[in-house]
């Protein structure tokens, strides 16, 4: 079981700030594919992966990062500012 967190417009599109997900995904990319297959709101939220950042256990990662041993996955838009 992995806790998945959604921030900013991802939270708005999905309608949840977080959820517990039972997954067999080996990578972040596979987890996103599983989520998108659930309901159209997930597919809408993840339609442009280039506009989304991911953190695994509060460490920035990429969509090919393995999920083995990960407890928390957070999705958020790129941060701007200085």
C-alpha atoms as a PDB file:
ATOM      1  CA  UNK A   1       0.000   0.000   0.000  1.00  0.00           C
ATOM      2  CA  UNK A   2       1.352   3.397  -1.038  1.00  0.00           C
ATOM      3  CA  UNK A   3       0.066   6.794   0.040  1.00  0.00           C
ATOM      4  CA  UNK A   4      -0.384   9.008  -3.020  1.00  0.00           C
ATOM      5  CA  UNK A   5      -0.536  12.782  -2.551  1.00  0.00           C
ATOM      6  CA  UNK A   6      -1.850  15.282  -5.095  1.00  0.00           C
ATOM      7  CA  UNK A   7      -1.059  19.006  -5.041  1.00  0.00           C
ATOM      8  CA  UNK A   8      -2.333  22.156  -6.788  1.00  0.00           C
ATOM      9  CA  UNK A   9      -4.293  21.575 -10.013  1.00  0.00           C
ATOM     10  CA  UNK A  10      -3.735  17.805  -9.802  1.00  0.00           C
ATOM     11  CA  UNK A  11      -5.700  17.802  -6.530  1.00  0.00           C
ATOM     12  CA  UNK A  12      -8.429  19.895  -8.178  1.00  0.00           C
ATOM     13  CA  UNK A  13      -8.766  17.590 -11.192  1.00  0.00           C
ATOM     14  CA  UNK A  14      -8.692  14.366  -9.196  1.00  0.00           C
ATOM     15  CA  UNK A  15     -10.775  15.733  -6.335  1.00  0.00           C
ATOM     16  CA  UNK A  16      -8.631  14.258  -3.560  1.00  0.00           C
ATOM     17  CA  UNK A  17      -5.653  15.561  -1.582  1.00  0.00           C
ATOM     18  CA  UNK A  18      -4.401  12.003  -0.966  1.00  0.00           C
ATOM     19  CA  UNK A  19      -5.365   8.348  -1.039  1.00  0.00           C
ATOM     20  CA  UNK A  20      -4.042   4.910  -0.169  1.00  0.00           C
ATOM     21  CA  UNK A  21      -3.355   2.889  -3.323  1.00  0.00           C
ATOM     22  CA  UNK A  22      -2.828  -0.839  -3.579  1.00  0.00           C
ATOM     23  CA  UNK A  23      -0.588  -1.285  -6.601  1.00  0.00           C
ATOM     24  CA  UNK A  24       1.494  -3.847  -8.418  1.00  0.00           C
ATOM     25  CA  UNK A  25       3.338  -1.100 -10.310  1.00  0.00           C
ATOM     26  CA  UNK A  26       7.124  -1.350 -10.423  1.00  0.00           C
ATOM     27  CA  UNK A  27       7.716   2.282 -11.439  1.00  0.00           C
ATOM     28  CA  UNK A  28       6.042   5.670 -11.102  1.00  0.00           C
ATOM     29  CA  UNK A  29       5.097   5.492 -14.795  1.00  0.00           C
ATOM     30  CA  UNK A  30       3.277   2.175 -14.210  1.00  0.00           C
ATOM     31  CA  UNK A  31       1.482   3.643 -11.178  1.00  0.00           C
ATOM     32  CA  UNK A  32       0.298   6.584 -13.282  1.00  0.00           C
ATOM     33  CA  UNK A  33      -0.956   4.154 -15.960  1.00  0.00           C
ATOM     34  CA  UNK A  34      -2.902   2.235 -13.282  1.00  0.00           C
ATOM     35  CA  UNK A  35      -4.418   5.449 -11.939  1.00  0.00           C
ATOM     36  CA  UNK A  36      -5.362   6.658 -15.432  1.00  0.00           C
ATOM     37  CA  UNK A  37      -7.121   3.351 -16.127  1.00  0.00           C
ATOM     38  CA  UNK A  38      -9.316   3.830 -13.026  1.00  0.00           C
ATOM     39  CA  UNK A  39     -11.397   6.844 -14.020  1.00  0.00           C
ATOM     40  CA  UNK A  40     -11.377   9.697 -16.550  1.00  0.00           C
ATOM     41  CA  UNK A  41     -10.498  12.271 -13.853  1.00  0.00           C
ATOM     42  CA  UNK A  42      -7.097  10.606 -13.351  1.00  0.00           C
ATOM     43  CA  UNK A  43      -6.485  10.440 -17.099  1.00  0.00           C
ATOM     44  CA  UNK A  44      -7.312  14.171 -17.318  1.00  0.00           C
ATOM     45  CA  UNK A  45      -4.954  15.009 -14.458  1.00  0.00           C
ATOM     46  CA  UNK A  46      -2.049  13.039 -15.927  1.00  0.00           C
ATOM     47  CA  UNK A  47      -2.631  13.857 -19.608  1.00  0.00           C
ATOM     48  CA  UNK A  48       0.635  15.826 -19.818  1.00  0.00           C
ATOM     49  CA  UNK A  49       3.305  14.071 -17.694  1.00  0.00           C
ATOM     50  CA  UNK A  50       5.896  16.663 -18.755  1.00  0.00           C
ATOM     51  CA  UNK A  51       3.946  19.203 -16.657  1.00  0.00           C
ATOM     52  CA  UNK A  52       4.089  17.038 -13.519  1.00  0.00           C
ATOM     53  CA  UNK A  53       6.850  16.446 -10.993  1.00  0.00           C
ATOM     54  CA  UNK A  54       7.026  13.501  -8.618  1.00  0.00           C
ATOM     55  CA  UNK A  55       8.631  12.899  -5.241  1.00  0.00           C
ATOM     56  CA  UNK A  56       9.143   9.499  -3.637  1.00  0.00           C
ATOM     57  CA  UNK A  57       9.302   9.647   0.154  1.00  0.00           C
ATOM     58  CA  UNK A  58       9.898  13.417  -0.196  1.00  0.00           C
ATOM     59  CA  UNK A  59      12.829  13.050  -2.630  1.00  0.00           C
ATOM     60  CA  UNK A  60      12.455  14.298  -6.218  1.00  0.00           C
ATOM     61  CA  UNK A  61      12.394  11.453  -8.718  1.00  0.00           C
ATOM     62  CA  UNK A  62      11.409  10.769 -12.306  1.00  0.00           C
ATOM     63  CA  UNK A  63       8.635   8.686 -13.831  1.00  0.00           C
ATOM     64  CA  UNK A  64      10.982   5.734 -14.404  1.00  0.00           C
ATOM     65  CA  UNK A  65      11.966   5.554 -10.711  1.00  0.00           C
ATOM     66  CA  UNK A  66      11.261   2.226  -8.993  1.00  0.00           C
ATOM     67  CA  UNK A  67       8.564   2.024  -6.336  1.00  0.00           C
ATOM     68  CA  UNK A  68      10.119  -0.839  -4.359  1.00  0.00           C
ATOM     69  CA  UNK A  69      10.065   0.133  -0.675  1.00  0.00           C
ATOM     70  CA  UNK A  70       8.443   3.520  -1.310  1.00  0.00           C
ATOM     71  CA  UNK A  71       5.793   4.589   1.219  1.00  0.00           C
ATOM     72  CA  UNK A  72       4.703   7.921  -0.278  1.00  0.00           C
ATOM     73  CA  UNK A  73       4.368   9.252  -3.823  1.00  0.00           C
ATOM     74  CA  UNK A  74       3.575  12.950  -4.322  1.00  0.00           C
ATOM     75  CA  UNK A  75       2.547  14.519  -7.627  1.00  0.00           C
ATOM     76  CA  UNK A  76       2.738  18.283  -8.137  1.00  0.00           C
ATOM     77  CA  UNK A  77       3.280  20.899 -10.855  1.00  0.00           C
ATOM     78  CA  UNK A  78       6.753  22.341 -11.399  1.00  0.00           C
ATOM     79  CA  UNK A  79       7.613  25.034  -8.895  1.00  0.00           C
ATOM     80  CA  UNK A  80       8.475  28.513 -10.067  1.00  0.00           C
ATOM     81  CA  UNK A  81       9.944  31.521  -8.377  1.00  0.00           C
ATOM     82  CA  UNK A  82      13.251  32.339  -6.842  1.00  0.00           C
END
